Amino acid sequence: MDARRVSATEAALELIRELVARHGPLMFHQSGGCCDGSSPMCYPRGELLIGEQDVLLGEIGGQPFYMSAAQFEYWRHTHLIIDVVPGRGGMFSLEGPLGVRFLTRSRLYTAEEEARLAPVRHCPA
């Protein structure tokens, strides 16, 4: 079995279920900084254009999770764990009005996990 590149805490999965009930299918993109810091951004699926500069890391709560290919080069040895905490996050992320924000926690893969990682898939242009 392949190791996963991204997972979510139970609190994050619960929030994802709530957001899906409100907004329909979602998508996540790990922000690389600038205005929203380095946080996972949650959008209605298809609202953010994904292209060949992005990679699909996997799914959390049945929703796709993307990251830019350039940023992935820095994070490729790191498992991302998406959590939720009180406070305001990215201004465009769907969870903002609820007074909570998604947060990325991370840890390095073990050598065994790293050996089982499937390659990431670059998204089509």
PDB file of N, CA and C in Angstrom:
ATOM      1  N   MET A   1       0.838  -1.187   0.000  1.00  0.00           N
ATOM      2  CA  MET A   1       0.000   0.000   0.000  1.00  0.00           C
ATOM      3  C   MET A   1       0.878   1.242   0.000  1.00  0.00           C
ATOM      4  N   ASP A   2       0.513   2.216  -0.818  1.00  0.00           N
ATOM      5  CA  ASP A   2       1.272   3.458  -0.891  1.00  0.00           C
ATOM      6  C   ASP A   2       1.025   4.310   0.340  1.00  0.00           C
ATOM      7  N   ALA A   3       2.042   5.066   0.734  1.00  0.00           N
ATOM      8  CA  ALA A   3       1.883   6.051   1.806  1.00  0.00           C
ATOM      9  C   ALA A   3       1.145   7.255   1.228  1.00  0.00           C
ATOM     10  N   ARG A   4       0.375   7.923   2.049  1.00  0.00           N
ATOM     11  CA  ARG A   4      -0.347   9.115   1.597  1.00  0.00           C
ATOM     12  C   ARG A   4       0.520  10.350   1.777  1.00  0.00           C
ATOM     13  N   ARG A   5       0.308  11.340   0.936  1.00  0.00           N
ATOM     14  CA  ARG A   5       1.040  12.602   1.032  1.00  0.00           C
ATOM     15  C   ARG A   5       0.297  13.626   1.874  1.00  0.00           C
ATOM     16  N   VAL A   6      -1.020  13.457   1.999  1.00  0.00           N
ATOM     17  CA  VAL A   6      -1.825  14.406   2.766  1.00  0.00           C
ATOM     18  C   VAL A   6      -2.916  13.631   3.498  1.00  0.00           C
ATOM     19  N   SER A   7      -3.186  14.056   4.729  1.00  0.00           N
ATOM     20  CA  SER A   7      -4.268  13.476   5.523  1.00  0.00           C
ATOM     21  C   SER A   7      -4.921  14.608   6.308  1.00  0.00           C
ATOM     22  N   ALA A   8      -5.975  14.281   7.034  1.00  0.00           N
ATOM     23  CA  ALA A   8      -6.697  15.292   7.805  1.00  0.00           C
ATOM     24  C   ALA A   8      -7.072  14.734   9.158  1.00  0.00           C
ATOM     25  N   THR A   9      -7.106  15.613  10.148  1.00  0.00           N
ATOM     26  CA  THR A   9      -7.548  15.228  11.481  1.00  0.00           C
ATOM     27  C   THR A   9      -9.063  15.032  11.453  1.00  0.00           C
ATOM     28  N   GLU A  10      -9.593  14.418  12.477  1.00  0.00           N
ATOM     29  CA  GLU A  10     -11.044  14.226  12.557  1.00  0.00           C
ATOM     30  C   GLU A  10     -11.758  15.578  12.584  1.00  0.00           C
ATOM     31  N   ALA A  11     -11.183  16.567  13.282  1.00  0.00           N
ATOM     32  CA  ALA A  11     -11.801  17.902  13.322  1.00  0.00           C
ATOM     33  C   ALA A  11     -11.864  18.510  11.916  1.00  0.00           C
ATOM     34  N   ALA A  12     -10.807  18.352  11.136  1.00  0.00           N
ATOM     35  CA  ALA A  12     -10.801  18.875   9.764  1.00  0.00           C
ATOM     36  C   ALA A  12     -11.807  18.126   8.905  1.00  0.00           C
ATOM     37  N   LEU A  13     -11.894  16.811   9.068  1.00  0.00           N
ATOM     38  CA  LEU A  13     -12.855  16.027   8.288  1.00  0.00           C
ATOM     39  C   LEU A  13     -14.301  16.430   8.617  1.00  0.00           C
ATOM     40  N   GLU A  14     -14.563  16.720   9.877  1.00  0.00           N
ATOM     41  CA  GLU A  14     -15.896  17.168  10.272  1.00  0.00           C
ATOM     42  C   GLU A  14     -16.222  18.509   9.614  1.00  0.00           C
ATOM     43  N   LEU A  15     -15.268  19.429   9.609  1.00  0.00           N
ATOM     44  CA  LEU A  15     -15.482  20.727   8.969  1.00  0.00           C
ATOM     45  C   LEU A  15     -15.669  20.560   7.460  1.00  0.00           C
ATOM     46  N   ILE A  16     -14.914  19.674   6.853  1.00  0.00           N
ATOM     47  CA  ILE A  16     -15.079  19.414   5.418  1.00  0.00           C
ATOM     48  C   ILE A  16     -16.489  18.924   5.128  1.00  0.00           C
ATOM     49  N   ARG A  17     -16.985  18.006   5.939  1.00  0.00           N
ATOM     50  CA  ARG A  17     -18.360  17.513   5.742  1.00  0.00           C
ATOM     51  C   ARG A  17     -19.371  18.670   5.834  1.00  0.00           C
ATOM     52  N   GLU A  18     -19.181  19.552   6.803  1.00  0.00           N
ATOM     53  CA  GLU A  18     -20.073  20.705   6.960  1.00  0.00           C
ATOM     54  C   GLU A  18     -19.993  21.631   5.742  1.00  0.00           C
ATOM     55  N   LEU A  19     -18.792  21.877   5.259  1.00  0.00           N
ATOM     56  CA  LEU A  19     -18.623  22.762   4.108  1.00  0.00           C
ATOM     57  C   LEU A  19     -19.187  22.141   2.828  1.00  0.00           C
ATOM     58  N   VAL A  20     -19.032  20.834   2.667  1.00  0.00           N
ATOM     59  CA  VAL A  20     -19.618  20.156   1.510  1.00  0.00           C
ATOM     60  C   VAL A  20     -21.142  20.273   1.557  1.00  0.00           C
ATOM     61  N   ALA A  21     -21.729  20.132   2.746  1.00  0.00           N
ATOM     62  CA  ALA A  21     -23.185  20.256   2.878  1.00  0.00           C
ATOM     63  C   ALA A  21     -23.657  21.659   2.504  1.00  0.00           C
ATOM     64  N   ARG A  22     -22.846  22.663   2.781  1.00  0.00           N
ATOM     65  CA  ARG A  22     -23.213  24.059   2.483  1.00  0.00           C
ATOM     66  C   ARG A  22     -22.923  24.456   1.041  1.00  0.00           C
ATOM     67  N   HIS A  23     -21.780  23.983   0.510  1.00  0.00           N
ATOM     68  CA  HIS A  23     -21.264  24.511  -0.759  1.00  0.00           C
ATOM     69  C   HIS A  23     -21.148  23.483  -1.877  1.00  0.00           C
ATOM     70  N   GLY A  24     -21.363  22.215  -1.582  1.00  0.00           N
ATOM     71  CA  GLY A  24     -21.166  21.188  -2.599  1.00  0.00           C
ATOM     72  C   GLY A  24     -19.708  20.755  -2.650  1.00  0.00           C
ATOM     73  N   PRO A  25     -19.285  20.097  -3.743  1.00  0.00           N
ATOM     74  CA  PRO A  25     -17.917  19.589  -3.843  1.00  0.00           C
ATOM     75  C   PRO A  25     -16.882  20.707  -3.655  1.00  0.00           C
ATOM     76  N   LEU A  26     -15.799  20.353  -2.981  1.00  0.00           N
ATOM     77  CA  LEU A  26     -14.744  21.313  -2.645  1.00  0.00           C
ATOM     78  C   LEU A  26     -13.428  20.931  -3.312  1.00  0.00           C
ATOM     79  N   MET A  27     -12.471  21.831  -3.197  1.00  0.00           N
ATOM     80  CA  MET A  27     -11.097  21.562  -3.583  1.00  0.00           C
ATOM     81  C   MET A  27     -10.203  22.332  -2.618  1.00  0.00           C
ATOM     82  N   PHE A  28      -9.009  21.817  -2.403  1.00  0.00           N
ATOM     83  CA  PHE A  28      -8.028  22.480  -1.540  1.00  0.00           C
ATOM     84  C   PHE A  28      -6.780  22.777  -2.349  1.00  0.00           C
ATOM     85  N   HIS A  29      -6.133  23.891  -2.001  1.00  0.00           N
ATOM     86  CA  HIS A  29      -4.844  24.232  -2.600  1.00  0.00           C
ATOM     87  C   HIS A  29      -3.981  24.787  -1.475  1.00  0.00           C
ATOM     88  N   GLN A  30      -2.803  24.206  -1.305  1.00  0.00           N
ATOM     89  CA  GLN A  30      -1.880  24.675  -0.272  1.00  0.00           C
ATOM     90  C   GLN A  30      -1.288  25.999  -0.728  1.00  0.00           C
ATOM     91  N   SER A  31      -1.630  27.062  -0.023  1.00  0.00           N
ATOM     92  CA  SER A  31      -1.121  28.383  -0.366  1.00  0.00           C
ATOM     93  C   SER A  31       0.382  28.431  -0.100  1.00  0.00           C
ATOM     94  N   GLY A  32       1.075  29.132  -0.946  1.00  0.00           N
ATOM     95  CA  GLY A  32       2.529  29.223  -0.820  1.00  0.00           C
ATOM     96  C   GLY A  32       3.013  30.477  -0.134  1.00  0.00           C
ATOM     97  N   GLY A  33       2.132  31.253   0.443  1.00  0.00           N
ATOM     98  CA  GLY A  33       2.567  32.466   1.108  1.00  0.00           C
ATOM     99  C   GLY A  33       1.812  33.667   0.596  1.00  0.00           C
ATOM    100  N   CYS A  34       2.433  34.815   0.658  1.00  0.00           N
ATOM    101  CA  CYS A  34       1.858  36.077   0.221  1.00  0.00           C
ATOM    102  C   CYS A  34       0.677  36.446   1.110  1.00  0.00           C
ATOM    103  N   CYS A  35      -0.435  36.784   0.513  1.00  0.00           N
ATOM    104  CA  CYS A  35      -1.575  37.336   1.254  1.00  0.00           C
ATOM    105  C   CYS A  35      -2.150  36.399   2.306  1.00  0.00           C
ATOM    106  N   ASP A  36      -2.203  35.117   2.010  1.00  0.00           N
ATOM    107  CA  ASP A  36      -2.857  34.172   2.913  1.00  0.00           C
ATOM    108  C   ASP A  36      -1.877  33.322   3.703  1.00  0.00           C
ATOM    109  N   GLY A  37      -0.608  33.693   3.713  1.00  0.00           N
ATOM    110  CA  GLY A  37       0.372  32.906   4.438  1.00  0.00           C
ATOM    111  C   GLY A  37       0.549  31.551   3.777  1.00  0.00           C
ATOM    112  N   SER A  38       0.970  30.589   4.544  1.00  0.00           N
ATOM    113  CA  SER A  38       1.158  29.239   4.024  1.00  0.00           C
ATOM    114  C   SER A  38       0.093  28.353   4.641  1.00  0.00           C
ATOM    115  N   SER A  39      -1.118  28.471   4.118  1.00  0.00           N
ATOM    116  CA  SER A  39      -2.240  27.734   4.694  1.00  0.00           C
ATOM    117  C   SER A  39      -3.011  27.006   3.600  1.00  0.00           C
ATOM    118  N   PRO A  40      -3.714  25.942   3.977  1.00  0.00           N
ATOM    119  CA  PRO A  40      -4.545  25.256   2.998  1.00  0.00           C
ATOM    120  C   PRO A  40      -5.793  26.088   2.725  1.00  0.00           C
ATOM    121  N   MET A  41      -6.033  26.370   1.477  1.00  0.00           N
ATOM    122  CA  MET A  41      -7.190  27.168   1.079  1.00  0.00           C
ATOM    123  C   MET A  41      -8.270  26.235   0.549  1.00  0.00           C
ATOM    124  N   CYS A  42      -9.501  26.474   0.959  1.00  0.00           N
ATOM    125  CA  CYS A  42     -10.644  25.650   0.574  1.00  0.00           C
ATOM    126  C   CYS A  42     -11.581  26.467  -0.306  1.00  0.00           C
ATOM    127  N   TYR A  43     -11.891  25.926  -1.480  1.00  0.00           N
ATOM    128  CA  TYR A  43     -12.737  26.614  -2.451  1.00  0.00           C
ATOM    129  C   TYR A  43     -13.842  25.670  -2.935  1.00  0.00           C
ATOM    130  N   PRO A  44     -14.928  26.230  -3.491  1.00  0.00           N
ATOM    131  CA  PRO A  44     -15.849  25.361  -4.224  1.00  0.00           C
ATOM    132  C   PRO A  44     -15.065  24.731  -5.379  1.00  0.00           C
ATOM    133  N   ARG A  45     -15.295  23.479  -5.634  1.00  0.00           N
ATOM    134  CA  ARG A  45     -14.532  22.777  -6.671  1.00  0.00           C
ATOM    135  C   ARG A  45     -14.681  23.504  -8.007  1.00  0.00           C
ATOM    136  N   GLY A  46     -13.534  23.731  -8.645  1.00  0.00           N
ATOM    137  CA  GLY A  46     -13.502  24.397  -9.936  1.00  0.00           C
ATOM    138  C   GLY A  46     -13.344  25.903  -9.856  1.00  0.00           C
ATOM    139  N   GLU A  47     -13.435  26.483  -8.653  1.00  0.00           N
ATOM    140  CA  GLU A  47     -13.318  27.939  -8.536  1.00  0.00           C
ATOM    141  C   GLU A  47     -11.890  28.415  -8.761  1.00  0.00           C
ATOM    142  N   LEU A  48     -10.912  27.626  -8.382  1.00  0.00           N
ATOM    143  CA  LEU A  48      -9.509  27.964  -8.599  1.00  0.00           C
ATOM    144  C   LEU A  48      -9.029  27.165  -9.802  1.00  0.00           C
ATOM    145  N   LEU A  49      -8.435  27.846 -10.758  1.00  0.00           N
ATOM    146  CA  LEU A  49      -7.935  27.153 -11.943  1.00  0.00           C
ATOM    147  C   LEU A  49      -6.671  26.378 -11.596  1.00  0.00           C
ATOM    148  N   ILE A  50      -6.693  25.104 -11.907  1.00  0.00           N
ATOM    149  CA  ILE A  50      -5.563  24.216 -11.673  1.00  0.00           C
ATOM    150  C   ILE A  50      -4.938  23.921 -13.030  1.00  0.00           C
ATOM    151  N   GLY A  51      -3.620  23.942 -13.092  1.00  0.00           N
ATOM    152  CA  GLY A  51      -2.955  23.695 -14.359  1.00  0.00           C
ATOM    153  C   GLY A  51      -1.675  22.905 -14.179  1.00  0.00           C
ATOM    154  N   GLU A  52      -0.866  22.853 -15.217  1.00  0.00           N
ATOM    155  CA  GLU A  52       0.339  22.030 -15.204  1.00  0.00           C
ATOM    156  C   GLU A  52       1.370  22.495 -14.181  1.00  0.00           C
ATOM    157  N   GLN A  53       1.200  23.674 -13.620  1.00  0.00           N
ATOM    158  CA  GLN A  53       2.092  24.151 -12.572  1.00  0.00           C
ATOM    159  C   GLN A  53       1.690  23.605 -11.195  1.00  0.00           C
ATOM    160  N   ASP A  54       0.630  22.803 -11.144  1.00  0.00           N
ATOM    161  CA  ASP A  54       0.125  22.231  -9.894  1.00  0.00           C
ATOM    162  C   ASP A  54       0.240  20.716  -9.907  1.00  0.00           C
ATOM    163  N   VAL A  55       0.322  20.139  -8.697  1.00  0.00           N
ATOM    164  CA  VAL A  55       0.312  18.694  -8.549  1.00  0.00           C
ATOM    165  C   VAL A  55      -0.832  18.312  -7.613  1.00  0.00           C
ATOM    166  N   LEU A  56      -1.399  17.144  -7.867  1.00  0.00           N
ATOM    167  CA  LEU A  56      -2.445  16.598  -7.011  1.00  0.00           C
ATOM    168  C   LEU A  56      -1.760  15.725  -5.971  1.00  0.00           C
ATOM    169  N   LEU A  57      -1.862  16.119  -4.689  1.00  0.00           N
ATOM    170  CA  LEU A  57      -1.221  15.349  -3.613  1.00  0.00           C
ATOM    171  C   LEU A  57      -2.082  14.187  -3.148  1.00  0.00           C
ATOM    172  N   GLY A  58      -3.380  14.307  -3.296  1.00  0.00           N
ATOM    173  CA  GLY A  58      -4.297  13.274  -2.827  1.00  0.00           C
ATOM    174  C   GLY A  58      -5.634  13.905  -2.501  1.00  0.00           C
ATOM    175  N   GLU A  59      -6.370  13.271  -1.613  1.00  0.00           N
ATOM    176  CA  GLU A  59      -7.678  13.763  -1.197  1.00  0.00           C
ATOM    177  C   GLU A  59      -7.776  13.767   0.317  1.00  0.00           C
ATOM    178  N   ILE A  60      -8.552  14.706   0.820  1.00  0.00           N
ATOM    179  CA  ILE A  60      -8.936  14.700   2.234  1.00  0.00           C
ATOM    180  C   ILE A  60     -10.450  14.832   2.272  1.00  0.00           C
ATOM    181  N   GLY A  61     -11.095  13.957   3.009  1.00  0.00           N
ATOM    182  CA  GLY A  61     -12.549  13.969   3.067  1.00  0.00           C
ATOM    183  C   GLY A  61     -13.190  13.830   1.700  1.00  0.00           C
ATOM    184  N   GLY A  62     -12.518  13.136   0.786  1.00  0.00           N
ATOM    185  CA  GLY A  62     -13.046  12.948  -0.558  1.00  0.00           C
ATOM    186  C   GLY A  62     -12.877  14.149  -1.474  1.00  0.00           C
ATOM    187  N   GLN A  63     -12.141  15.166  -1.023  1.00  0.00           N
ATOM    188  CA  GLN A  63     -11.955  16.390  -1.803  1.00  0.00           C
ATOM    189  C   GLN A  63     -10.488  16.490  -2.245  1.00  0.00           C
ATOM    190  N   PRO A  64     -10.224  16.864  -3.507  1.00  0.00           N
ATOM    191  CA  PRO A  64      -8.842  16.908  -3.998  1.00  0.00           C
ATOM    192  C   PRO A  64      -8.019  17.995  -3.316  1.00  0.00           C
ATOM    193  N   PHE A  65      -6.728  17.685  -3.128  1.00  0.00           N
ATOM    194  CA  PHE A  65      -5.802  18.598  -2.465  1.00  0.00           C
ATOM    195  C   PHE A  65      -4.600  18.818  -3.392  1.00  0.00           C
ATOM    196  N   TYR A  66      -4.384  20.072  -3.788  1.00  0.00           N
ATOM    197  CA  TYR A  66      -3.332  20.445  -4.726  1.00  0.00           C
ATOM    198  C   TYR A  66      -2.273  21.321  -4.073  1.00  0.00           C
ATOM    199  N   MET A  67      -1.134  21.388  -4.738  1.00  0.00           N
ATOM    200  CA  MET A  67      -0.038  22.263  -4.336  1.00  0.00           C
ATOM    201  C   MET A  67       0.719  22.640  -5.611  1.00  0.00           C
ATOM    202  N   SER A  68       1.343  23.802  -5.620  1.00  0.00           N
ATOM    203  CA  SER A  68       2.122  24.151  -6.803  1.00  0.00           C
ATOM    204  C   SER A  68       3.315  23.202  -6.905  1.00  0.00           C
ATOM    205  N   ALA A  69       3.690  22.886  -8.135  1.00  0.00           N
ATOM    206  CA  ALA A  69       4.815  21.970  -8.368  1.00  0.00           C
ATOM    207  C   ALA A  69       6.104  22.525  -7.780  1.00  0.00           C
ATOM    208  N   ALA A  70       6.304  23.823  -7.875  1.00  0.00           N
ATOM    209  CA  ALA A  70       7.523  24.435  -7.319  1.00  0.00           C
ATOM    210  C   ALA A  70       7.558  24.291  -5.801  1.00  0.00           C
ATOM    211  N   GLN A  71       6.433  24.527  -5.147  1.00  0.00           N
ATOM    212  CA  GLN A  71       6.368  24.388  -3.685  1.00  0.00           C
ATOM    213  C   GLN A  71       6.540  22.925  -3.286  1.00  0.00           C
ATOM    214  N   PHE A  72       5.991  22.019  -4.084  1.00  0.00           N
ATOM    215  CA  PHE A  72       6.110  20.596  -3.790  1.00  0.00           C
ATOM    216  C   PHE A  72       7.575  20.160  -3.717  1.00  0.00           C
ATOM    217  N   GLU A  73       8.428  20.752  -4.520  1.00  0.00           N
ATOM    218  CA  GLU A  73       9.850  20.393  -4.485  1.00  0.00           C
ATOM    219  C   GLU A  73      10.446  20.607  -3.101  1.00  0.00           C
ATOM    220  N   TYR A  74       9.957  21.581  -2.366  1.00  0.00           N
ATOM    221  CA  TYR A  74      10.435  21.828  -1.000  1.00  0.00           C
ATOM    222  C   TYR A  74       9.779  20.898   0.019  1.00  0.00           C
ATOM    223  N   TRP A  75       8.553  20.470  -0.252  1.00  0.00           N
ATOM    224  CA  TRP A  75       7.765  19.705   0.701  1.00  0.00           C
ATOM    225  C   TRP A  75       7.704  18.220   0.371  1.00  0.00           C
ATOM    226  N   ARG A  76       8.389  17.754  -0.638  1.00  0.00           N
ATOM    227  CA  ARG A  76       8.215  16.389  -1.143  1.00  0.00           C
ATOM    228  C   ARG A  76       8.527  15.297  -0.116  1.00  0.00           C
ATOM    229  N   HIS A  77       9.320  15.590   0.880  1.00  0.00           N
ATOM    230  CA  HIS A  77       9.676  14.597   1.903  1.00  0.00           C
ATOM    231  C   HIS A  77       8.824  14.754   3.166  1.00  0.00           C
ATOM    232  N   THR A  78       7.733  15.503   3.043  1.00  0.00           N
ATOM    233  CA  THR A  78       6.919  15.865   4.195  1.00  0.00           C
ATOM    234  C   THR A  78       5.473  15.421   4.026  1.00  0.00           C
ATOM    235  N   HIS A  79       4.950  14.753   5.035  1.00  0.00           N
ATOM    236  CA  HIS A  79       3.533  14.391   5.060  1.00  0.00           C
ATOM    237  C   HIS A  79       2.762  15.583   5.623  1.00  0.00           C
ATOM    238  N   LEU A  80       1.734  16.027   4.908  1.00  0.00           N
ATOM    239  CA  LEU A  80       0.908  17.146   5.358  1.00  0.00           C
ATOM    240  C   LEU A  80      -0.299  16.611   6.112  1.00  0.00           C
ATOM    241  N   ILE A  81      -0.557  17.201   7.257  1.00  0.00           N
ATOM    242  CA  ILE A  81      -1.699  16.833   8.087  1.00  0.00           C
ATOM    243  C   ILE A  81      -2.551  18.086   8.234  1.00  0.00           C
ATOM    244  N   ILE A  82      -3.731  18.065   7.657  1.00  0.00           N
ATOM    245  CA  ILE A  82      -4.598  19.240   7.684  1.00  0.00           C
ATOM    246  C   ILE A  82      -5.467  19.173   8.938  1.00  0.00           C
ATOM    247  N   ASP A  83      -5.407  20.263   9.701  1.00  0.00           N
ATOM    248  CA  ASP A  83      -6.137  20.368  10.964  1.00  0.00           C
ATOM    249  C   ASP A  83      -7.011  21.612  10.886  1.00  0.00           C
ATOM    250  N   VAL A  84      -7.781  21.861  11.919  1.00  0.00           N
ATOM    251  CA  VAL A  84      -8.599  23.063  12.002  1.00  0.00           C
ATOM    252  C   VAL A  84      -8.414  23.657  13.397  1.00  0.00           C
ATOM    253  N   VAL A  85      -8.284  24.989  13.448  1.00  0.00           N
ATOM    254  CA  VAL A  85      -8.081  25.700  14.712  1.00  0.00           C
ATOM    255  C   VAL A  85      -8.970  26.945  14.713  1.00  0.00           C
ATOM    256  N   PRO A  86      -9.258  27.486  15.904  1.00  0.00           N
ATOM    257  CA  PRO A  86     -10.036  28.730  15.956  1.00  0.00           C
ATOM    258  C   PRO A  86      -9.242  29.879  15.326  1.00  0.00           C
ATOM    259  N   GLY A  87      -9.959  30.851  14.780  1.00  0.00           N
ATOM    260  CA  GLY A  87      -9.321  32.051  14.244  1.00  0.00           C
ATOM    261  C   GLY A  87      -9.617  32.253  12.776  1.00  0.00           C
ATOM    262  N   ARG A  88      -9.129  33.376  12.274  1.00  0.00           N
ATOM    263  CA  ARG A  88      -9.348  33.731  10.871  1.00  0.00           C
ATOM    264  C   ARG A  88      -8.147  33.288  10.054  1.00  0.00           C
ATOM    265  N   GLY A  89      -8.428  32.678   8.924  1.00  0.00           N
ATOM    266  CA  GLY A  89      -7.369  32.239   8.023  1.00  0.00           C
ATOM    267  C   GLY A  89      -7.374  33.053   6.758  1.00  0.00           C
ATOM    268  N   GLY A  90      -7.182  32.382   5.639  1.00  0.00           N
ATOM    269  CA  GLY A  90      -7.163  33.051   4.350  1.00  0.00           C
ATOM    270  C   GLY A  90      -8.505  33.695   4.037  1.00  0.00           C
ATOM    271  N   MET A  91      -8.467  34.909   3.550  1.00  0.00           N
ATOM    272  CA  MET A  91      -9.703  35.661   3.338  1.00  0.00           C
ATOM    273  C   MET A  91     -10.608  35.038   2.278  1.00  0.00           C
ATOM    274  N   PHE A  92     -10.068  34.197   1.406  1.00  0.00           N
ATOM    275  CA  PHE A  92     -10.883  33.617   0.347  1.00  0.00           C
ATOM    276  C   PHE A  92     -11.283  32.174   0.636  1.00  0.00           C
ATOM    277  N   SER A  93     -10.819  31.603   1.727  1.00  0.00           N
ATOM    278  CA  SER A  93     -11.103  30.219   2.049  1.00  0.00           C
ATOM    279  C   SER A  93     -12.493  30.096   2.672  1.00  0.00           C
ATOM    280  N   LEU A  94     -13.228  29.056   2.294  1.00  0.00           N
ATOM    281  CA  LEU A  94     -14.639  28.922   2.678  1.00  0.00           C
ATOM    282  C   LEU A  94     -14.898  28.835   4.179  1.00  0.00           C
ATOM    283  N   GLU A  95     -13.940  28.372   4.954  1.00  0.00           N
ATOM    284  CA  GLU A  95     -14.202  28.203   6.388  1.00  0.00           C
ATOM    285  C   GLU A  95     -14.122  29.507   7.168  1.00  0.00           C
ATOM    286  N   GLY A  96     -13.578  30.571   6.582  1.00  0.00           N
ATOM    287  CA  GLY A  96     -13.359  31.847   7.266  1.00  0.00           C
ATOM    288  C   GLY A  96     -14.560  32.393   8.008  1.00  0.00           C
ATOM    289  N   PRO A  97     -15.732  32.473   7.390  1.00  0.00           N
ATOM    290  CA  PRO A  97     -16.895  33.027   8.099  1.00  0.00           C
ATOM    291  C   PRO A  97     -17.336  32.213   9.320  1.00  0.00           C
ATOM    292  N   LEU A  98     -16.842  30.995   9.457  1.00  0.00           N
ATOM    293  CA  LEU A  98     -17.224  30.154  10.599  1.00  0.00           C
ATOM    294  C   LEU A  98     -16.345  30.394  11.823  1.00  0.00           C
ATOM    295  N   GLY A  99     -15.350  31.290  11.692  1.00  0.00           N
ATOM    296  CA  GLY A  99     -14.485  31.607  12.833  1.00  0.00           C
ATOM    297  C   GLY A  99     -13.403  30.572  13.094  1.00  0.00           C
ATOM    298  N   VAL A 100     -13.148  29.719  12.112  1.00  0.00           N
ATOM    299  CA  VAL A 100     -12.086  28.717  12.220  1.00  0.00           C
ATOM    300  C   VAL A 100     -11.250  28.774  10.951  1.00  0.00           C
ATOM    301  N   ARG A 101     -10.114  28.095  10.984  1.00  0.00           N
ATOM    302  CA  ARG A 101      -9.267  28.061   9.796  1.00  0.00           C
ATOM    303  C   ARG A 101      -8.577  26.718   9.709  1.00  0.00           C
ATOM    304  N   PHE A 102      -8.356  26.296   8.477  1.00  0.00           N
ATOM    305  CA  PHE A 102      -7.555  25.103   8.260  1.00  0.00           C
ATOM    306  C   PHE A 102      -6.097  25.458   8.508  1.00  0.00           C
ATOM    307  N   LEU A 103      -5.349  24.501   9.009  1.00  0.00           N
ATOM    308  CA  LEU A 103      -3.942  24.687   9.336  1.00  0.00           C
ATOM    309  C   LEU A 103      -3.181  23.455   8.873  1.00  0.00           C
ATOM    310  N   THR A 104      -2.027  23.670   8.263  1.00  0.00           N
ATOM    311  CA  THR A 104      -1.198  22.551   7.833  1.00  0.00           C
ATOM    312  C   THR A 104      -0.152  22.254   8.893  1.00  0.00           C
ATOM    313  N   ARG A 105      -0.182  21.036   9.371  1.00  0.00           N
ATOM    314  CA  ARG A 105       0.880  20.519  10.241  1.00  0.00           C
ATOM    315  C   ARG A 105       1.660  19.552   9.362  1.00  0.00           C
ATOM    316  N   SER A 106       2.874  19.256   9.731  1.00  0.00           N
ATOM    317  CA  SER A 106       3.651  18.361   8.872  1.00  0.00           C
ATOM    318  C   SER A 106       4.642  17.551   9.692  1.00  0.00           C
ATOM    319  N   ARG A 107       5.096  16.482   9.072  1.00  0.00           N
ATOM    320  CA  ARG A 107       6.156  15.666   9.640  1.00  0.00           C
ATOM    321  C   ARG A 107       6.919  15.040   8.482  1.00  0.00           C
ATOM    322  N   LEU A 108       8.177  14.733   8.708  1.00  0.00           N
ATOM    323  CA  LEU A 108       8.970  14.068   7.685  1.00  0.00           C
ATOM    324  C   LEU A 108       8.541  12.608   7.587  1.00  0.00           C
ATOM    325  N   TYR A 109       8.607  12.072   6.387  1.00  0.00           N
ATOM    326  CA  TYR A 109       8.320  10.660   6.203  1.00  0.00           C
ATOM    327  C   TYR A 109       9.423   9.811   6.809  1.00  0.00           C
ATOM    328  N   THR A 110       9.061   8.633   7.258  1.00  0.00           N
ATOM    329  CA  THR A 110      10.079   7.648   7.611  1.00  0.00           C
ATOM    330  C   THR A 110      10.649   7.119   6.297  1.00  0.00           C
ATOM    331  N   ALA A 111      11.795   6.464   6.348  1.00  0.00           N
ATOM    332  CA  ALA A 111      12.400   5.892   5.141  1.00  0.00           C
ATOM    333  C   ALA A 111      11.452   4.872   4.513  1.00  0.00           C
ATOM    334  N   GLU A 112      10.766   4.090   5.339  1.00  0.00           N
ATOM    335  CA  GLU A 112       9.819   3.094   4.835  1.00  0.00           C
ATOM    336  C   GLU A 112       8.649   3.757   4.112  1.00  0.00           C
ATOM    337  N   GLU A 113       8.085   4.805   4.709  1.00  0.00           N
ATOM    338  CA  GLU A 113       6.980   5.519   4.064  1.00  0.00           C
ATOM    339  C   GLU A 113       7.434   6.140   2.743  1.00  0.00           C
ATOM    340  N   GLU A 114       8.588   6.760   2.770  1.00  0.00           N
ATOM    341  CA  GLU A 114       9.082   7.434   1.566  1.00  0.00           C
ATOM    342  C   GLU A 114       9.265   6.445   0.411  1.00  0.00           C
ATOM    343  N   ALA A 115       9.683   5.246   0.737  1.00  0.00           N
ATOM    344  CA  ALA A 115       9.866   4.221  -0.293  1.00  0.00           C
ATOM    345  C   ALA A 115       8.533   3.798  -0.901  1.00  0.00           C
ATOM    346  N   ARG A 116       7.427   3.953  -0.167  1.00  0.00           N
ATOM    347  CA  ARG A 116       6.106   3.541  -0.647  1.00  0.00           C
ATOM    348  C   ARG A 116       5.307   4.662  -1.301  1.00  0.00           C
ATOM    349  N   LEU A 117       5.865   5.877  -1.353  1.00  0.00           N
ATOM    350  CA  LEU A 117       5.118   6.999  -1.925  1.00  0.00           C
ATOM    351  C   LEU A 117       4.929   6.832  -3.433  1.00  0.00           C
ATOM    352  N   ALA A 118       3.722   7.033  -3.855  1.00  0.00           N
ATOM    353  CA  ALA A 118       3.441   7.048  -5.298  1.00  0.00           C
ATOM    354  C   ALA A 118       3.871   8.397  -5.849  1.00  0.00           C
ATOM    355  N   PRO A 119       4.251   8.442  -7.106  1.00  0.00           N
ATOM    356  CA  PRO A 119       4.607   9.733  -7.696  1.00  0.00           C
ATOM    357  C   PRO A 119       3.389  10.649  -7.725  1.00  0.00           C
ATOM    358  N   VAL A 120       3.630  11.950  -7.634  1.00  0.00           N
ATOM    359  CA  VAL A 120       2.516  12.895  -7.751  1.00  0.00           C
ATOM    360  C   VAL A 120       2.173  13.067  -9.219  1.00  0.00           C
ATOM    361  N   ARG A 121       0.964  13.484  -9.440  1.00  0.00           N
ATOM    362  CA  ARG A 121       0.483  13.670 -10.798  1.00  0.00           C
ATOM    363  C   ARG A 121       0.398  15.163 -11.091  1.00  0.00           C
ATOM    364  N   HIS A 122       1.110  15.595 -12.139  1.00  0.00           N
ATOM    365  CA  HIS A 122       0.985  16.974 -12.586  1.00  0.00           C
ATOM    366  C   HIS A 122      -0.364  17.128 -13.254  1.00  0.00           C
ATOM    367  N   CYS A 123      -1.001  18.241 -13.009  1.00  0.00           N
ATOM    368  CA  CYS A 123      -2.330  18.474 -13.548  1.00  0.00           C
ATOM    369  C   CYS A 123      -2.212  18.949 -15.000  1.00  0.00           C
ATOM    370  N   PRO A 124      -3.209  18.659 -15.808  1.00  0.00           N
ATOM    371  CA  PRO A 124      -3.170  19.117 -17.200  1.00  0.00           C
ATOM    372  C   PRO A 124      -3.336  20.620 -17.296  1.00  0.00           C
ATOM    373  N   ALA A 125      -2.836  21.177 -18.338  1.00  0.00           N
ATOM    374  CA  ALA A 125      -2.950  22.627 -18.569  1.00  0.00           C
ATOM    375  C   ALA A 125      -4.368  23.012 -18.911  1.00  0.00           C
TER     376      ALA A 125
END
